[in-house]
N, C-alpha and C. Protein backbone atom coordinates (compact mmCIF):
# COMPACT_ATOMS: atom_id res chain seq x y z
N MET A 1 -14.36 37.04 14.07
CA MET A 1 -14.77 36.65 12.75
C MET A 1 -13.72 35.68 12.19
N SER A 2 -14.16 34.70 11.45
CA SER A 2 -13.24 33.69 10.94
C SER A 2 -12.54 34.17 9.67
N ALA A 3 -11.45 33.52 9.36
CA ALA A 3 -10.70 33.85 8.15
C ALA A 3 -11.55 33.58 6.91
N GLN A 4 -12.38 32.54 6.98
CA GLN A 4 -13.23 32.24 5.82
C GLN A 4 -14.26 33.35 5.60
N ALA A 5 -14.79 33.90 6.68
CA ALA A 5 -15.76 34.99 6.56
C ALA A 5 -15.09 36.23 5.97
N LEU A 6 -13.86 36.50 6.41
CA LEU A 6 -13.14 37.66 5.86
C LEU A 6 -12.80 37.44 4.39
N GLN A 7 -12.48 36.21 4.03
CA GLN A 7 -12.17 35.91 2.64
C GLN A 7 -13.43 36.02 1.78
N CYS A 8 -14.57 35.59 2.30
CA CYS A 8 -15.83 35.69 1.54
C CYS A 8 -16.20 37.16 1.29
N ARG A 9 -15.82 38.04 2.21
CA ARG A 9 -16.09 39.48 2.04
C ARG A 9 -15.03 40.16 1.17
N GLY A 10 -13.99 39.39 0.78
CA GLY A 10 -12.96 39.95 -0.09
C GLY A 10 -11.93 40.78 0.65
N LEU A 11 -11.85 40.67 1.98
CA LEU A 11 -10.92 41.48 2.75
C LEU A 11 -9.54 40.84 2.88
N ILE A 12 -9.47 39.51 2.83
CA ILE A 12 -8.19 38.80 2.88
C ILE A 12 -8.21 37.66 1.87
N LYS A 13 -7.03 37.16 1.59
CA LYS A 13 -6.89 35.97 0.76
C LYS A 13 -6.18 34.92 1.60
N VAL A 14 -6.80 33.74 1.76
CA VAL A 14 -6.25 32.68 2.59
C VAL A 14 -5.72 31.57 1.68
N THR A 15 -4.51 31.11 1.97
CA THR A 15 -3.92 30.00 1.21
C THR A 15 -3.32 29.00 2.20
N LYS A 16 -3.18 27.78 1.71
CA LYS A 16 -2.53 26.73 2.50
C LYS A 16 -1.55 26.03 1.58
N ARG A 17 -0.30 25.95 2.02
CA ARG A 17 0.73 25.29 1.22
C ARG A 17 1.63 24.48 2.15
N ARG A 18 1.73 23.19 1.84
CA ARG A 18 2.57 22.28 2.63
C ARG A 18 2.25 22.33 4.12
N GLY A 19 0.98 22.44 4.45
CA GLY A 19 0.57 22.41 5.84
C GLY A 19 0.61 23.75 6.55
N TYR A 20 1.02 24.82 5.89
CA TYR A 20 1.10 26.13 6.50
C TYR A 20 0.00 27.02 5.94
N TRP A 21 -0.74 27.66 6.85
CA TRP A 21 -1.78 28.59 6.45
C TRP A 21 -1.20 29.99 6.33
N ASN A 22 -1.71 30.76 5.38
CA ASN A 22 -1.23 32.12 5.18
C ASN A 22 -2.44 33.00 4.85
N ALA A 23 -2.49 34.19 5.42
CA ALA A 23 -3.57 35.14 5.13
C ALA A 23 -2.93 36.47 4.75
N GLU A 24 -3.40 37.06 3.65
CA GLU A 24 -2.89 38.35 3.18
C GLU A 24 -4.06 39.31 2.98
N LEU A 25 -3.80 40.55 3.33
CA LEU A 25 -4.81 41.57 3.10
C LEU A 25 -4.94 41.86 1.61
N THR A 26 -6.17 42.05 1.18
CA THR A 26 -6.39 42.47 -0.20
C THR A 26 -6.48 44.00 -0.21
N ASP A 27 -6.59 44.59 -1.40
CA ASP A 27 -6.73 46.04 -1.50
C ASP A 27 -8.01 46.49 -0.80
N GLU A 28 -9.08 45.73 -0.95
CA GLU A 28 -10.34 46.07 -0.28
C GLU A 28 -10.17 46.00 1.24
N GLY A 29 -9.40 45.04 1.73
CA GLY A 29 -9.16 44.92 3.16
C GLY A 29 -8.37 46.10 3.71
N ARG A 30 -7.38 46.55 2.96
CA ARG A 30 -6.61 47.73 3.38
C ARG A 30 -7.50 48.97 3.40
N GLN A 31 -8.36 49.09 2.39
CA GLN A 31 -9.26 50.23 2.33
C GLN A 31 -10.23 50.22 3.51
N TYR A 32 -10.74 49.03 3.86
CA TYR A 32 -11.67 48.92 4.98
C TYR A 32 -10.98 49.33 6.29
N LEU A 33 -9.73 48.88 6.49
CA LEU A 33 -9.01 49.26 7.70
C LEU A 33 -8.77 50.77 7.74
N ALA A 34 -8.47 51.37 6.60
CA ALA A 34 -8.26 52.81 6.55
C ALA A 34 -9.57 53.54 6.85
N ASP A 35 -10.70 53.03 6.38
CA ASP A 35 -12.00 53.67 6.60
C ASP A 35 -12.41 53.64 8.07
N ILE A 36 -12.08 52.59 8.79
CA ILE A 36 -12.49 52.52 10.18
C ILE A 36 -11.44 53.13 11.12
N GLY A 37 -10.36 53.63 10.55
CA GLY A 37 -9.40 54.37 11.35
C GLY A 37 -8.24 53.55 11.86
N ILE A 38 -8.08 52.36 11.36
CA ILE A 38 -6.92 51.56 11.74
C ILE A 38 -5.92 51.67 10.62
N GLY A 39 -4.77 52.30 10.94
CA GLY A 39 -3.77 52.50 9.91
C GLY A 39 -3.03 51.21 9.58
N PRO A 40 -2.61 51.05 8.34
CA PRO A 40 -1.85 49.85 7.99
C PRO A 40 -0.48 49.87 8.66
N ARG A 41 -0.02 48.74 9.01
CA ARG A 41 1.28 48.59 9.64
C ARG A 41 2.35 48.80 8.57
N ASP A 42 3.47 49.34 8.97
CA ASP A 42 4.57 49.56 8.04
C ASP A 42 5.09 48.19 7.58
N HIS A 43 4.99 47.92 6.29
CA HIS A 43 5.37 46.61 5.76
C HIS A 43 6.86 46.37 5.79
N ASP A 44 7.67 47.46 5.90
CA ASP A 44 9.11 47.27 5.95
C ASP A 44 9.57 46.83 7.34
N ALA A 45 8.77 47.14 8.36
CA ALA A 45 9.14 46.77 9.72
C ALA A 45 8.85 45.28 9.94
N GLU A 46 9.63 44.69 10.80
CA GLU A 46 9.43 43.28 11.13
C GLU A 46 8.19 43.12 11.99
N ALA A 47 7.45 42.09 11.74
CA ALA A 47 6.29 41.79 12.57
C ALA A 47 6.77 41.22 13.89
N PRO A 48 6.11 41.59 14.99
CA PRO A 48 6.54 41.03 16.27
C PRO A 48 6.29 39.52 16.28
N GLU A 49 7.29 38.79 16.75
CA GLU A 49 7.18 37.33 16.75
C GLU A 49 6.65 36.85 18.08
N ALA A 50 5.85 35.85 17.99
CA ALA A 50 5.36 35.20 19.20
C ALA A 50 6.52 34.41 19.80
N PRO A 51 6.50 34.17 21.09
CA PRO A 51 7.60 33.40 21.69
C PRO A 51 7.71 32.03 21.03
N GLY A 52 8.82 31.81 20.39
CA GLY A 52 9.05 30.52 19.72
C GLY A 52 8.28 30.39 18.42
N ASP A 53 7.45 31.39 18.11
CA ASP A 53 6.65 31.37 16.88
C ASP A 53 5.92 30.03 16.72
N LEU A 54 5.26 29.60 17.77
CA LEU A 54 4.60 28.31 17.79
C LEU A 54 3.38 28.27 16.89
N ALA A 55 2.78 29.41 16.60
CA ALA A 55 1.55 29.41 15.82
C ALA A 55 1.77 28.97 14.39
N THR A 56 2.94 29.23 13.83
CA THR A 56 3.16 28.90 12.42
C THR A 56 3.96 27.63 12.21
N ARG A 57 4.61 27.14 13.25
CA ARG A 57 5.43 25.93 13.08
C ARG A 57 4.60 24.68 13.30
N ARG A 58 4.95 23.67 12.54
CA ARG A 58 4.36 22.35 12.76
C ARG A 58 5.08 21.68 13.91
N PRO A 59 4.36 20.96 14.74
CA PRO A 59 5.07 20.25 15.81
C PRO A 59 5.96 19.16 15.23
N GLN A 60 7.17 19.09 15.76
CA GLN A 60 8.12 18.09 15.30
C GLN A 60 7.85 16.79 16.05
N THR A 61 7.53 15.77 15.31
CA THR A 61 7.29 14.47 15.93
C THR A 61 8.28 13.47 15.37
N THR A 62 8.60 12.50 16.17
CA THR A 62 9.48 11.45 15.68
C THR A 62 8.63 10.48 14.87
N PRO A 63 9.12 10.07 13.70
CA PRO A 63 8.32 9.16 12.88
C PRO A 63 8.17 7.81 13.57
N LYS A 64 6.93 7.34 13.56
CA LYS A 64 6.65 6.04 14.17
C LYS A 64 6.88 4.95 13.14
N THR A 65 7.42 3.87 13.59
CA THR A 65 7.58 2.73 12.69
C THR A 65 6.26 1.98 12.69
N ARG A 66 5.62 1.97 11.53
CA ARG A 66 4.33 1.31 11.41
C ARG A 66 4.54 -0.06 10.81
N THR A 67 3.92 -1.03 11.42
CA THR A 67 3.97 -2.36 10.85
C THR A 67 2.67 -2.59 10.11
N ASN A 68 2.79 -3.14 8.93
CA ASN A 68 1.59 -3.40 8.15
C ASN A 68 1.11 -4.82 8.40
N TYR A 69 0.01 -5.19 7.76
CA TYR A 69 -0.59 -6.50 7.99
C TYR A 69 0.36 -7.63 7.57
N THR A 70 1.11 -7.43 6.51
CA THR A 70 2.04 -8.48 6.07
C THR A 70 3.10 -8.73 7.12
N ASP A 71 3.70 -7.67 7.66
CA ASP A 71 4.72 -7.84 8.69
C ASP A 71 4.14 -8.50 9.93
N GLN A 72 2.93 -8.08 10.31
CA GLN A 72 2.29 -8.68 11.48
C GLN A 72 2.05 -10.17 11.26
N LEU A 73 1.57 -10.52 10.07
CA LEU A 73 1.27 -11.91 9.76
C LEU A 73 2.53 -12.76 9.78
N LEU A 74 3.60 -12.26 9.17
CA LEU A 74 4.85 -13.02 9.15
C LEU A 74 5.45 -13.16 10.55
N GLU A 75 5.32 -12.13 11.39
CA GLU A 75 5.80 -12.22 12.76
C GLU A 75 5.01 -13.27 13.55
N GLU A 76 3.69 -13.27 13.36
CA GLU A 76 2.86 -14.27 14.04
C GLU A 76 3.20 -15.68 13.59
N LEU A 77 3.43 -15.84 12.29
CA LEU A 77 3.76 -17.17 11.76
C LEU A 77 5.07 -17.67 12.33
N THR A 78 6.09 -16.83 12.37
CA THR A 78 7.38 -17.28 12.90
C THR A 78 7.29 -17.58 14.39
N ALA A 79 6.45 -16.84 15.11
CA ALA A 79 6.28 -17.10 16.54
C ALA A 79 5.51 -18.39 16.80
N ASN A 80 4.71 -18.84 15.83
CA ASN A 80 3.86 -20.02 16.02
C ASN A 80 4.27 -21.18 15.12
N ASN A 81 5.55 -21.32 14.87
CA ASN A 81 6.07 -22.46 14.11
C ASN A 81 5.48 -22.54 12.69
N ASN A 82 5.33 -21.38 12.04
CA ASN A 82 4.88 -21.25 10.65
C ASN A 82 3.47 -21.79 10.39
N ARG A 83 2.61 -21.81 11.42
CA ARG A 83 1.23 -22.27 11.23
C ARG A 83 0.31 -21.48 12.16
N LEU A 84 -0.77 -20.95 11.59
CA LEU A 84 -1.77 -20.23 12.35
C LEU A 84 -3.15 -20.74 11.98
N VAL A 85 -4.06 -20.71 12.92
CA VAL A 85 -5.48 -20.96 12.64
C VAL A 85 -6.24 -19.78 13.23
N LYS A 86 -6.82 -18.98 12.34
CA LYS A 86 -7.56 -17.81 12.76
C LYS A 86 -9.04 -18.16 12.86
N ALA A 87 -9.70 -17.69 13.90
CA ALA A 87 -11.11 -18.01 14.12
C ALA A 87 -11.97 -17.42 13.01
N ASN A 88 -13.04 -18.15 12.68
CA ASN A 88 -13.99 -17.66 11.68
C ASN A 88 -14.77 -16.50 12.27
N GLU A 89 -14.81 -15.40 11.53
CA GLU A 89 -15.54 -14.22 11.98
C GLU A 89 -16.55 -13.85 10.91
N SER A 90 -17.57 -13.16 11.33
CA SER A 90 -18.55 -12.67 10.36
C SER A 90 -18.90 -11.24 10.74
N GLY A 91 -19.48 -10.53 9.82
CA GLY A 91 -19.86 -9.15 10.08
C GLY A 91 -19.03 -8.18 9.26
N PRO A 92 -19.34 -6.91 9.37
CA PRO A 92 -18.66 -5.91 8.55
C PRO A 92 -17.19 -5.69 8.91
N HIS A 93 -16.80 -6.03 10.13
CA HIS A 93 -15.42 -5.81 10.55
C HIS A 93 -14.61 -7.10 10.57
N ALA A 94 -15.12 -8.15 9.94
CA ALA A 94 -14.40 -9.41 9.89
C ALA A 94 -13.18 -9.27 8.98
N VAL A 95 -12.11 -9.95 9.34
CA VAL A 95 -10.87 -9.89 8.58
C VAL A 95 -10.98 -10.82 7.37
N ASN A 96 -10.60 -10.32 6.20
CA ASN A 96 -10.57 -11.13 4.99
C ASN A 96 -9.17 -11.71 4.86
N TRP A 97 -8.99 -12.93 5.40
CA TRP A 97 -7.67 -13.53 5.45
C TRP A 97 -7.14 -13.88 4.06
N ALA A 98 -8.02 -14.27 3.16
CA ALA A 98 -7.57 -14.58 1.80
C ALA A 98 -6.95 -13.34 1.14
N SER A 99 -7.55 -12.20 1.36
CA SER A 99 -7.03 -10.95 0.81
C SER A 99 -5.69 -10.58 1.44
N ARG A 100 -5.57 -10.78 2.74
CA ARG A 100 -4.30 -10.46 3.42
C ARG A 100 -3.18 -11.39 2.96
N ILE A 101 -3.51 -12.66 2.73
CA ILE A 101 -2.50 -13.60 2.24
C ILE A 101 -2.07 -13.21 0.84
N SER A 102 -3.02 -12.81 0.02
CA SER A 102 -2.69 -12.38 -1.34
C SER A 102 -1.78 -11.15 -1.31
N ALA A 103 -2.09 -10.21 -0.44
CA ALA A 103 -1.25 -9.00 -0.32
C ALA A 103 0.14 -9.36 0.17
N ALA A 104 0.23 -10.31 1.09
CA ALA A 104 1.53 -10.73 1.61
C ALA A 104 2.36 -11.40 0.52
N ARG A 105 1.71 -12.20 -0.33
CA ARG A 105 2.42 -12.84 -1.44
C ARG A 105 2.98 -11.80 -2.40
N GLN A 106 2.22 -10.75 -2.65
CA GLN A 106 2.63 -9.73 -3.62
C GLN A 106 3.63 -8.75 -3.03
N SER A 107 3.79 -8.74 -1.71
CA SER A 107 4.67 -7.75 -1.08
C SER A 107 6.15 -8.02 -1.32
N GLY A 108 6.50 -9.27 -1.62
CA GLY A 108 7.90 -9.61 -1.81
C GLY A 108 8.64 -9.86 -0.51
N LYS A 109 7.94 -9.92 0.61
CA LYS A 109 8.58 -10.12 1.91
C LYS A 109 8.66 -11.58 2.31
N ILE A 110 8.03 -12.45 1.55
CA ILE A 110 8.10 -13.87 1.85
C ILE A 110 9.41 -14.40 1.29
N PRO A 111 10.15 -15.18 2.07
CA PRO A 111 11.43 -15.70 1.57
C PRO A 111 11.26 -16.49 0.27
N HIS A 112 12.29 -16.46 -0.56
CA HIS A 112 12.25 -17.09 -1.88
C HIS A 112 12.03 -18.60 -1.78
N SER A 113 12.50 -19.21 -0.73
CA SER A 113 12.41 -20.67 -0.59
C SER A 113 11.14 -21.12 0.11
N GLN A 114 10.21 -20.17 0.40
CA GLN A 114 8.97 -20.53 1.08
C GLN A 114 7.78 -19.93 0.35
N GLU A 115 6.60 -20.49 0.64
CA GLU A 115 5.37 -19.93 0.09
C GLU A 115 4.30 -19.90 1.17
N LEU A 116 3.39 -18.96 1.02
CA LEU A 116 2.32 -18.76 1.98
C LEU A 116 1.06 -19.44 1.45
N ARG A 117 0.46 -20.28 2.28
CA ARG A 117 -0.76 -20.98 1.89
C ARG A 117 -1.85 -20.69 2.89
N GLY A 118 -3.06 -20.62 2.40
CA GLY A 118 -4.19 -20.39 3.28
C GLY A 118 -5.40 -21.14 2.78
N LYS A 119 -6.19 -21.70 3.72
CA LYS A 119 -7.41 -22.39 3.33
C LYS A 119 -8.40 -22.36 4.48
N GLN A 120 -9.66 -22.40 4.11
CA GLN A 120 -10.73 -22.43 5.09
C GLN A 120 -10.88 -23.85 5.62
N THR A 121 -10.87 -24.02 6.93
CA THR A 121 -11.06 -25.33 7.54
C THR A 121 -12.23 -25.24 8.52
N TYR A 122 -12.61 -26.37 9.07
CA TYR A 122 -13.70 -26.42 10.04
C TYR A 122 -13.35 -25.61 11.28
N SER A 123 -12.10 -25.65 11.69
CA SER A 123 -11.70 -24.97 12.91
C SER A 123 -11.38 -23.48 12.71
N GLY A 124 -11.30 -23.02 11.46
CA GLY A 124 -11.01 -21.61 11.19
C GLY A 124 -10.23 -21.49 9.89
N TYR A 125 -9.61 -20.34 9.70
CA TYR A 125 -8.82 -20.12 8.49
C TYR A 125 -7.38 -20.49 8.81
N GLU A 126 -6.85 -21.52 8.14
CA GLU A 126 -5.51 -22.01 8.40
C GLU A 126 -4.51 -21.33 7.47
N ILE A 127 -3.45 -20.79 8.04
CA ILE A 127 -2.41 -20.10 7.28
C ILE A 127 -1.09 -20.79 7.59
N LYS A 128 -0.37 -21.16 6.54
CA LYS A 128 0.91 -21.85 6.70
C LYS A 128 1.98 -21.17 5.86
N LEU A 129 3.18 -21.16 6.38
CA LEU A 129 4.36 -20.75 5.64
C LEU A 129 5.19 -22.01 5.46
N VAL A 130 5.18 -22.56 4.24
CA VAL A 130 5.82 -23.85 4.00
C VAL A 130 7.03 -23.69 3.10
N ASP A 131 7.96 -24.62 3.26
CA ASP A 131 9.15 -24.64 2.40
C ASP A 131 8.76 -25.18 1.03
N ILE A 132 9.30 -24.57 -0.01
CA ILE A 132 9.07 -25.04 -1.38
C ILE A 132 10.01 -26.21 -1.63
N PRO A 133 9.50 -27.32 -2.19
CA PRO A 133 10.38 -28.46 -2.47
C PRO A 133 11.52 -28.07 -3.40
N ALA A 134 12.66 -28.74 -3.23
CA ALA A 134 13.86 -28.41 -4.00
C ALA A 134 13.64 -28.59 -5.50
N TRP A 135 12.84 -29.57 -5.90
CA TRP A 135 12.63 -29.81 -7.32
C TRP A 135 11.90 -28.64 -7.99
N ARG A 136 11.13 -27.86 -7.19
CA ARG A 136 10.46 -26.70 -7.76
C ARG A 136 11.37 -25.49 -7.86
N LEU A 137 12.46 -25.52 -7.11
CA LEU A 137 13.39 -24.39 -7.12
C LEU A 137 14.52 -24.56 -8.12
N THR A 138 14.72 -25.78 -8.61
CA THR A 138 15.82 -26.00 -9.55
C THR A 138 15.47 -25.44 -10.91
N GLU A 139 16.47 -24.95 -11.56
CA GLU A 139 16.29 -24.38 -12.89
C GLU A 139 16.48 -25.48 -13.93
N ILE A 140 15.54 -25.59 -14.83
CA ILE A 140 15.60 -26.62 -15.86
C ILE A 140 16.46 -26.12 -17.01
N THR A 141 17.42 -26.94 -17.39
CA THR A 141 18.27 -26.57 -18.52
C THR A 141 17.62 -27.05 -19.81
N PRO A 142 17.57 -26.21 -20.79
CA PRO A 142 16.94 -26.63 -22.05
C PRO A 142 17.78 -27.68 -22.76
N SER A 143 17.11 -28.62 -23.40
CA SER A 143 17.83 -29.65 -24.16
C SER A 143 17.54 -29.46 -25.64
N THR A 144 18.44 -29.92 -26.45
CA THR A 144 18.26 -29.78 -27.89
C THR A 144 17.45 -30.96 -28.42
N CYS A 145 16.76 -30.69 -29.47
CA CYS A 145 15.88 -31.69 -30.08
C CYS A 145 16.57 -32.21 -31.35
N PRO A 146 16.55 -33.52 -31.58
CA PRO A 146 17.15 -34.02 -32.82
C PRO A 146 16.43 -33.45 -34.05
N ARG A 147 17.18 -33.27 -35.12
CA ARG A 147 16.62 -32.69 -36.33
C ARG A 147 15.51 -33.54 -36.94
N ASP A 148 15.66 -34.82 -36.84
CA ASP A 148 14.69 -35.68 -37.51
C ASP A 148 13.54 -36.08 -36.59
N LEU A 149 13.29 -35.31 -35.49
CA LEU A 149 12.20 -35.63 -34.59
C LEU A 149 10.84 -35.57 -35.27
N PRO A 150 10.53 -34.56 -36.08
CA PRO A 150 9.22 -34.57 -36.73
C PRO A 150 8.99 -35.82 -37.59
N SER A 151 10.01 -36.30 -38.29
CA SER A 151 9.82 -37.51 -39.10
C SER A 151 9.67 -38.74 -38.21
N LEU A 152 10.34 -38.76 -37.05
CA LEU A 152 10.18 -39.87 -36.12
C LEU A 152 8.75 -39.91 -35.56
N ILE A 153 8.20 -38.73 -35.28
CA ILE A 153 6.83 -38.67 -34.75
C ILE A 153 5.85 -39.15 -35.82
N GLN A 154 6.04 -38.73 -37.06
CA GLN A 154 5.15 -39.16 -38.13
C GLN A 154 5.27 -40.67 -38.37
N TRP A 155 6.46 -41.20 -38.26
CA TRP A 155 6.68 -42.62 -38.48
C TRP A 155 5.98 -43.47 -37.42
N SER A 156 6.00 -42.98 -36.13
CA SER A 156 5.41 -43.76 -35.05
C SER A 156 3.91 -43.53 -34.92
N TRP A 157 3.37 -42.50 -35.57
CA TRP A 157 1.94 -42.21 -35.49
C TRP A 157 1.18 -43.16 -36.40
N PRO A 158 0.10 -43.78 -35.91
CA PRO A 158 -0.63 -44.71 -36.78
C PRO A 158 -1.32 -43.97 -37.91
N SER A 159 -1.34 -44.61 -39.07
CA SER A 159 -2.02 -43.99 -40.21
C SER A 159 -3.50 -44.25 -40.14
N LYS A 160 -4.26 -43.56 -40.97
CA LYS A 160 -5.71 -43.73 -40.99
C LYS A 160 -6.13 -45.12 -41.45
N SER A 161 -5.33 -45.70 -42.31
CA SER A 161 -5.70 -47.02 -42.84
C SER A 161 -5.29 -48.16 -41.92
N ALA A 162 -4.48 -47.88 -40.90
CA ALA A 162 -4.04 -48.95 -39.98
C ALA A 162 -5.22 -49.37 -39.12
N PRO A 163 -5.34 -50.64 -38.83
CA PRO A 163 -6.44 -51.13 -37.98
C PRO A 163 -6.26 -50.63 -36.55
N ARG A 164 -7.35 -50.32 -35.90
CA ARG A 164 -7.30 -49.86 -34.53
C ARG A 164 -7.35 -51.04 -33.58
N ALA A 165 -6.66 -50.88 -32.46
CA ALA A 165 -6.64 -51.95 -31.47
C ALA A 165 -7.88 -51.87 -30.59
N TRP A 166 -8.49 -50.73 -30.55
CA TRP A 166 -9.69 -50.58 -29.72
C TRP A 166 -10.89 -50.34 -30.61
N GLY A 167 -12.01 -50.58 -30.14
CA GLY A 167 -13.14 -50.57 -31.03
C GLY A 167 -14.17 -49.66 -30.67
């Protein structure tokens, strides 16, 4: 009989916490065992352990290093001179390259001096990792404005009564 069947009959209570299952007898379960002639085990005595107690332990595995789509894409780009052309695919399992490029941009793994570009071409989806021009990376220093700038702008602006050069 399964643990779920025993729990539905109110004979045990089954819980799961952090991957470990636990089953405890309820008062009704103890009464049922007493009625059929099976005496309860002495709760003060230690329960016999299985060799290595394998039934209750989780198997210890070494954590695998998982590479995500961004890491895979950046590795492919560096291996192919920062340019890829992915074949056009259709169907439910087709890769959405625009979405992957967007995720890669948001991941923060693209170097600060480069940007990821992608576009649909006749030959497929082209993905490039290009260097950002230096003028886009320079920080602009703010300059001060002369106090009389508003009056200079008003002075140079044509008035309504001035004749227009165009018609």
